[in-house]
Amino acid sequence: MSATLTVELPEDVRSTLGKAAREDGVSEKVFAVRALQDYLFLRRFRKLRTEMISQSEKTYSDARIFAIVS
């Protein structure tokens, strides 16, 4: 299932998006979806890391947290 999201981009962002998509050999749509997925994963990772550190006396490495969220 998919949904449509319309986003107004500043011209410099649109230009950079187009260039990056061409360099990767994908459409702007595919590039934007992948970029958003990457950002949301990193956001989840950082949030979980912060929660784990605040709730534990243990020290968690980024690799351990990555294994948990993957």
PDB file of N, CA and C in Angstrom:
ATOM      1  N   MET A   1       0.842  -1.181   0.000  1.00  0.00           N
ATOM      2  CA  MET A   1       0.000   0.000   0.000  1.00  0.00           C
ATOM      3  C   MET A   1       0.883   1.239   0.000  1.00  0.00           C
ATOM      4  N   SER A   2       0.496   2.211  -0.758  1.00  0.00           N
ATOM      5  CA  SER A   2       1.265   3.444  -0.798  1.00  0.00           C
ATOM      6  C   SER A   2       0.325   4.636  -0.707  1.00  0.00           C
ATOM      7  N   ALA A   3       0.913   5.758  -0.387  1.00  0.00           N
ATOM      8  CA  ALA A   3       0.166   7.002  -0.292  1.00  0.00           C
ATOM      9  C   ALA A   3       0.980   8.092  -0.964  1.00  0.00           C
ATOM     10  N   THR A   4       0.318   9.127  -1.368  1.00  0.00           N
ATOM     11  CA  THR A   4       0.988  10.247  -2.009  1.00  0.00           C
ATOM     12  C   THR A   4       1.189  11.363  -0.999  1.00  0.00           C
ATOM     13  N   LEU A   5       2.389  11.912  -1.026  1.00  0.00           N
ATOM     14  CA  LEU A   5       2.725  13.048  -0.172  1.00  0.00           C
ATOM     15  C   LEU A   5       3.303  14.123  -1.077  1.00  0.00           C
ATOM     16  N   THR A   6       2.711  15.284  -1.072  1.00  0.00           N
ATOM     17  CA  THR A   6       3.208  16.385  -1.887  1.00  0.00           C
ATOM     18  C   THR A   6       4.008  17.316  -0.997  1.00  0.00           C
ATOM     19  N   VAL A   7       5.243  17.590  -1.431  1.00  0.00           N
ATOM     20  CA  VAL A   7       6.145  18.437  -0.653  1.00  0.00           C
ATOM     21  C   VAL A   7       6.683  19.534  -1.556  1.00  0.00           C
ATOM     22  N   GLU A   8       6.625  20.762  -1.093  1.00  0.00           N
ATOM     23  CA  GLU A   8       7.194  21.876  -1.848  1.00  0.00           C
ATOM     24  C   GLU A   8       8.649  22.030  -1.430  1.00  0.00           C
ATOM     25  N   LEU A   9       9.546  21.914  -2.407  1.00  0.00           N
ATOM     26  CA  LEU A   9      10.976  21.987  -2.136  1.00  0.00           C
ATOM     27  C   LEU A   9      11.550  23.311  -2.617  1.00  0.00           C
ATOM     28  N   PRO A  10      12.454  23.894  -1.829  1.00  0.00           N
ATOM     29  CA  PRO A  10      13.181  25.061  -2.342  1.00  0.00           C
ATOM     30  C   PRO A  10      13.986  24.637  -3.582  1.00  0.00           C
ATOM     31  N   GLU A  11      14.219  25.556  -4.481  1.00  0.00           N
ATOM     32  CA  GLU A  11      14.891  25.235  -5.740  1.00  0.00           C
ATOM     33  C   GLU A  11      16.257  24.588  -5.525  1.00  0.00           C
ATOM     34  N   ASP A  12      17.025  25.046  -4.538  1.00  0.00           N
ATOM     35  CA  ASP A  12      18.351  24.459  -4.318  1.00  0.00           C
ATOM     36  C   ASP A  12      18.248  23.000  -3.867  1.00  0.00           C
ATOM     37  N   VAL A  13      17.249  22.677  -3.066  1.00  0.00           N
ATOM     38  CA  VAL A  13      17.050  21.298  -2.628  1.00  0.00           C
ATOM     39  C   VAL A  13      16.606  20.442  -3.813  1.00  0.00           C
ATOM     40  N   ARG A  14      15.715  20.947  -4.610  1.00  0.00           N
ATOM     41  CA  ARG A  14      15.232  20.214  -5.794  1.00  0.00           C
ATOM     42  C   ARG A  14      16.374  19.934  -6.756  1.00  0.00           C
ATOM     43  N   SER A  15      17.224  20.923  -6.948  1.00  0.00           N
ATOM     44  CA  SER A  15      18.365  20.762  -7.842  1.00  0.00           C
ATOM     45  C   SER A  15      19.332  19.703  -7.308  1.00  0.00           C
ATOM     46  N   THR A  16      19.607  19.764  -6.021  1.00  0.00           N
ATOM     47  CA  THR A  16      20.504  18.790  -5.393  1.00  0.00           C
ATOM     48  C   THR A  16      19.894  17.397  -5.445  1.00  0.00           C
ATOM     49  N   LEU A  17      18.596  17.294  -5.223  1.00  0.00           N
ATOM     50  CA  LEU A  17      17.896  16.016  -5.313  1.00  0.00           C
ATOM     51  C   LEU A  17      18.028  15.427  -6.715  1.00  0.00           C
ATOM     52  N   GLY A  18      17.803  16.235  -7.729  1.00  0.00           N
ATOM     53  CA  GLY A  18      17.911  15.771  -9.104  1.00  0.00           C
ATOM     54  C   GLY A  18      19.316  15.285  -9.431  1.00  0.00           C
ATOM     55  N   LYS A  19      20.306  16.049  -8.998  1.00  0.00           N
ATOM     56  CA  LYS A  19      21.700  15.671  -9.262  1.00  0.00           C
ATOM     57  C   LYS A  19      22.049  14.362  -8.567  1.00  0.00           C
ATOM     58  N   ALA A  20      21.675  14.233  -7.297  1.00  0.00           N
ATOM     59  CA  ALA A  20      21.983  13.015  -6.535  1.00  0.00           C
ATOM     60  C   ALA A  20      21.274  11.803  -7.135  1.00  0.00           C
ATOM     61  N   ALA A  21      20.040  11.976  -7.562  1.00  0.00           N
ATOM     62  CA  ALA A  21      19.281  10.873  -8.166  1.00  0.00           C
ATOM     63  C   ALA A  21      19.956  10.423  -9.463  1.00  0.00           C
ATOM     64  N   ARG A  22      20.366  11.386 -10.287  1.00  0.00           N
ATOM     65  CA  ARG A  22      21.058  11.031 -11.535  1.00  0.00           C
ATOM     66  C   ARG A  22      22.367  10.297 -11.239  1.00  0.00           C
ATOM     67  N   GLU A  23      23.118  10.773 -10.247  1.00  0.00           N
ATOM     68  CA  GLU A  23      24.376  10.122  -9.888  1.00  0.00           C
ATOM     69  C   GLU A  23      24.157   8.679  -9.431  1.00  0.00           C
ATOM     70  N   ASP A  24      23.053   8.436  -8.729  1.00  0.00           N
ATOM     71  CA  ASP A  24      22.738   7.089  -8.242  1.00  0.00           C
ATOM     72  C   ASP A  24      22.005   6.247  -9.288  1.00  0.00           C
ATOM     73  N   GLY A  25      21.618   6.876 -10.387  1.00  0.00           N
ATOM     74  CA  GLY A  25      20.939   6.147 -11.448  1.00  0.00           C
ATOM     75  C   GLY A  25      19.518   5.738 -11.108  1.00  0.00           C
ATOM     76  N   VAL A  26      18.846   6.552 -10.295  1.00  0.00           N
ATOM     77  CA  VAL A  26      17.466   6.266  -9.911  1.00  0.00           C
ATOM     78  C   VAL A  26      16.621   7.518 -10.143  1.00  0.00           C
ATOM     79  N   SER A  27      15.319   7.343 -10.090  1.00  0.00           N
ATOM     80  CA  SER A  27      14.421   8.493 -10.236  1.00  0.00           C
ATOM     81  C   SER A  27      14.466   9.347  -8.969  1.00  0.00           C
ATOM     82  N   GLU A  28      14.014  10.575  -9.112  1.00  0.00           N
ATOM     83  CA  GLU A  28      13.929  11.453  -7.937  1.00  0.00           C
ATOM     84  C   GLU A  28      13.003  10.854  -6.885  1.00  0.00           C
ATOM     85  N   LYS A  29      11.939  10.225  -7.334  1.00  0.00           N
ATOM     86  CA  LYS A  29      10.988   9.612  -6.402  1.00  0.00           C
ATOM     87  C   LYS A  29      11.668   8.510  -5.594  1.00  0.00           C
ATOM     88  N   VAL A  30      12.373   7.608  -6.277  1.00  0.00           N
ATOM     89  CA  VAL A  30      13.060   6.513  -5.585  1.00  0.00           C
ATOM     90  C   VAL A  30      14.113   7.072  -4.626  1.00  0.00           C
ATOM     91  N   PHE A  31      14.868   8.056  -5.101  1.00  0.00           N
ATOM     92  CA  PHE A  31      15.890   8.652  -4.247  1.00  0.00           C
ATOM     93  C   PHE A  31      15.275   9.282  -3.004  1.00  0.00           C
ATOM     94  N   ALA A  32      14.189  10.027  -3.184  1.00  0.00           N
ATOM     95  CA  ALA A  32      13.540  10.700  -2.058  1.00  0.00           C
ATOM     96  C   ALA A  32      12.976   9.693  -1.058  1.00  0.00           C
ATOM     97  N   VAL A  33      12.370   8.619  -1.548  1.00  0.00           N
ATOM     98  CA  VAL A  33      11.833   7.595  -0.645  1.00  0.00           C
ATOM     99  C   VAL A  33      12.968   6.953   0.155  1.00  0.00           C
ATOM    100  N   ARG A  34      14.058   6.610  -0.525  1.00  0.00           N
ATOM    101  CA  ARG A  34      15.203   6.011   0.179  1.00  0.00           C
ATOM    102  C   ARG A  34      15.795   6.967   1.202  1.00  0.00           C
ATOM    103  N   ALA A  35      15.914   8.229   0.830  1.00  0.00           N
ATOM    104  CA  ALA A  35      16.464   9.218   1.748  1.00  0.00           C
ATOM    105  C   ALA A  35      15.579   9.367   2.985  1.00  0.00           C
ATOM    106  N   LEU A  36      14.286   9.378   2.785  1.00  0.00           N
ATOM    107  CA  LEU A  36      13.350   9.483   3.905  1.00  0.00           C
ATOM    108  C   LEU A  36      13.419   8.236   4.785  1.00  0.00           C
ATOM    109  N   GLN A  37      13.511   7.061   4.159  1.00  0.00           N
ATOM    110  CA  GLN A  37      13.654   5.823   4.936  1.00  0.00           C
ATOM    111  C   GLN A  37      14.930   5.856   5.777  1.00  0.00           C
ATOM    112  N   ASP A  38      16.029   6.295   5.178  1.00  0.00           N
ATOM    113  CA  ASP A  38      17.299   6.390   5.908  1.00  0.00           C
ATOM    114  C   ASP A  38      17.179   7.358   7.083  1.00  0.00           C
ATOM    115  N   TYR A  39      16.572   8.524   6.829  1.00  0.00           N
ATOM    116  CA  TYR A  39      16.412   9.511   7.889  1.00  0.00           C
ATOM    117  C   TYR A  39      15.557   8.972   9.028  1.00  0.00           C
ATOM    118  N   LEU A  40      14.457   8.317   8.705  1.00  0.00           N
ATOM    119  CA  LEU A  40      13.573   7.782   9.742  1.00  0.00           C
ATOM    120  C   LEU A  40      14.256   6.675  10.540  1.00  0.00           C
ATOM    121  N   PHE A  41      15.077   5.856   9.869  1.00  0.00           N
ATOM    122  CA  PHE A  41      15.830   4.835  10.588  1.00  0.00           C
ATOM    123  C   PHE A  41      16.810   5.481  11.551  1.00  0.00           C
ATOM    124  N   LEU A  42      17.567   6.477  11.069  1.00  0.00           N
ATOM    125  CA  LEU A  42      18.532   7.155  11.948  1.00  0.00           C
ATOM    126  C   LEU A  42      17.838   7.851  13.110  1.00  0.00           C
ATOM    127  N   ARG A  43      16.684   8.431  12.863  1.00  0.00           N
ATOM    128  CA  ARG A  43      15.914   9.085  13.924  1.00  0.00           C
ATOM    129  C   ARG A  43      15.515   8.069  14.990  1.00  0.00           C
ATOM    130  N   ARG A  44      15.028   6.911  14.529  1.00  0.00           N
ATOM    131  CA  ARG A  44      14.643   5.846  15.466  1.00  0.00           C
ATOM    132  C   ARG A  44      15.857   5.347  16.255  1.00  0.00           C
ATOM    133  N   PHE A  45      16.973   5.176  15.557  1.00  0.00           N
ATOM    134  CA  PHE A  45      18.218   4.740  16.187  1.00  0.00           C
ATOM    135  C   PHE A  45      18.635   5.719  17.284  1.00  0.00           C
ATOM    136  N   ARG A  46      18.670   7.005  16.975  1.00  0.00           N
ATOM    137  CA  ARG A  46      19.098   8.011  17.953  1.00  0.00           C
ATOM    138  C   ARG A  46      18.150   8.068  19.155  1.00  0.00           C
ATOM    139  N   LYS A  47      16.855   7.959  18.882  1.00  0.00           N
ATOM    140  CA  LYS A  47      15.879   7.981  19.972  1.00  0.00           C
ATOM    141  C   LYS A  47      16.056   6.771  20.883  1.00  0.00           C
ATOM    142  N   LEU A  48      16.213   5.603  20.284  1.00  0.00           N
ATOM    143  CA  LEU A  48      16.411   4.393  21.077  1.00  0.00           C
ATOM    144  C   LEU A  48      17.704   4.461  21.872  1.00  0.00           C
ATOM    145  N   ARG A  49      18.766   4.958  21.255  1.00  0.00           N
ATOM    146  CA  ARG A  49      20.050   5.093  21.951  1.00  0.00           C
ATOM    147  C   ARG A  49      19.898   5.996  23.172  1.00  0.00           C
ATOM    148  N   THR A  50      19.227   7.108  22.996  1.00  0.00           N
ATOM    149  CA  THR A  50      19.016   8.036  24.111  1.00  0.00           C
ATOM    150  C   THR A  50      18.215   7.372  25.231  1.00  0.00           C
ATOM    151  N   GLU A  51      17.150   6.656  24.871  1.00  0.00           N
ATOM    152  CA  GLU A  51      16.332   5.967  25.864  1.00  0.00           C
ATOM    153  C   GLU A  51      17.126   4.892  26.597  1.00  0.00           C
ATOM    154  N   MET A  52      17.900   4.120  25.852  1.00  0.00           N
ATOM    155  CA  MET A  52      18.670   3.035  26.462  1.00  0.00           C
ATOM    156  C   MET A  52      19.728   3.571  27.418  1.00  0.00           C
ATOM    157  N   ILE A  53      20.386   4.627  27.029  1.00  0.00           N
ATOM    158  CA  ILE A  53      21.418   5.218  27.878  1.00  0.00           C
ATOM    159  C   ILE A  53      20.802   5.775  29.152  1.00  0.00           C
ATOM    160  N   SER A  54      19.648   6.412  29.024  1.00  0.00           N
ATOM    161  CA  SER A  54      19.024   7.012  30.208  1.00  0.00           C
ATOM    162  C   SER A  54      18.433   5.963  31.144  1.00  0.00           C
ATOM    163  N   GLN A  55      18.100   4.768  30.644  1.00  0.00           N
ATOM    164  CA  GLN A  55      17.473   3.740  31.465  1.00  0.00           C
ATOM    165  C   GLN A  55      18.438   2.678  31.964  1.00  0.00           C
ATOM    166  N   SER A  56      19.678   2.804  31.642  1.00  0.00           N
ATOM    167  CA  SER A  56      20.595   1.730  31.974  1.00  0.00           C
ATOM    168  C   SER A  56      21.900   2.251  32.542  1.00  0.00           C
ATOM    169  N   GLU A  57      22.475   1.440  33.385  1.00  0.00           N
ATOM    170  CA  GLU A  57      23.802   1.749  33.880  1.00  0.00           C
ATOM    171  C   GLU A  57      24.861   1.205  32.931  1.00  0.00           C
ATOM    172  N   LYS A  58      24.437   0.331  32.006  1.00  0.00           N
ATOM    173  CA  LYS A  58      25.350  -0.210  31.006  1.00  0.00           C
ATOM    174  C   LYS A  58      25.659   0.845  29.955  1.00  0.00           C
ATOM    175  N   THR A  59      26.760   0.655  29.288  1.00  0.00           N
ATOM    176  CA  THR A  59      27.099   1.493  28.152  1.00  0.00           C
ATOM    177  C   THR A  59      26.838   0.686  26.890  1.00  0.00           C
ATOM    178  N   TYR A  60      25.994   1.221  26.032  1.00  0.00           N
ATOM    179  CA  TYR A  60      25.668   0.557  24.780  1.00  0.00           C
ATOM    180  C   TYR A  60      26.480   1.183  23.648  1.00  0.00           C
ATOM    181  N   SER A  61      27.059   0.333  22.828  1.00  0.00           N
ATOM    182  CA  SER A  61      27.767   0.826  21.648  1.00  0.00           C
ATOM    183  C   SER A  61      26.750   1.081  20.536  1.00  0.00           C
ATOM    184  N   ASP A  62      27.148   1.894  19.569  1.00  0.00           N
ATOM    185  CA  ASP A  62      26.277   2.122  18.414  1.00  0.00           C
ATOM    186  C   ASP A  62      25.994   0.814  17.694  1.00  0.00           C
ATOM    187  N   ALA A  63      26.990  -0.085  17.642  1.00  0.00           N
ATOM    188  CA  ALA A  63      26.797  -1.375  16.968  1.00  0.00           C
ATOM    189  C   ALA A  63      25.722  -2.198  17.666  1.00  0.00           C
ATOM    190  N   ARG A  64      25.703  -2.198  18.989  1.00  0.00           N
ATOM    191  CA  ARG A  64      24.700  -2.956  19.742  1.00  0.00           C
ATOM    192  C   ARG A  64      23.302  -2.371  19.514  1.00  0.00           C
ATOM    193  N   ILE A  65      23.190  -1.066  19.544  1.00  0.00           N
ATOM    194  CA  ILE A  65      21.902  -0.416  19.314  1.00  0.00           C
ATOM    195  C   ILE A  65      21.440  -0.664  17.881  1.00  0.00           C
ATOM    196  N   PHE A  66      22.373  -0.603  16.928  1.00  0.00           N
ATOM    197  CA  PHE A  66      22.033  -0.888  15.533  1.00  0.00           C
ATOM    198  C   PHE A  66      21.468  -2.291  15.391  1.00  0.00           C
ATOM    199  N   ALA A  67      22.073  -3.253  16.083  1.00  0.00           N
ATOM    200  CA  ALA A  67      21.596  -4.639  16.033  1.00  0.00           C
ATOM    201  C   ALA A  67      20.177  -4.751  16.587  1.00  0.00           C
ATOM    202  N   ILE A  68      19.856  -3.969  17.585  1.00  0.00           N
ATOM    203  CA  ILE A  68      18.527  -4.004  18.196  1.00  0.00           C
ATOM    204  C   ILE A  68      17.480  -3.417  17.253  1.00  0.00           C
ATOM    205  N   VAL A  69      17.787  -2.320  16.591  1.00  0.00           N
ATOM    206  CA  VAL A  69      16.786  -1.681  15.745  1.00  0.00           C
ATOM    207  C   VAL A  69      16.698  -2.288  14.348  1.00  0.00           C
ATOM    208  N   SER A  70      17.664  -3.084  13.975  1.00  0.00           N
ATOM    209  CA  SER A  70      17.647  -3.693  12.634  1.00  0.00           C
ATOM    210  C   SER A  70      16.766  -4.905  12.553  1.00  0.00           C
TER     211      SER A  70
END
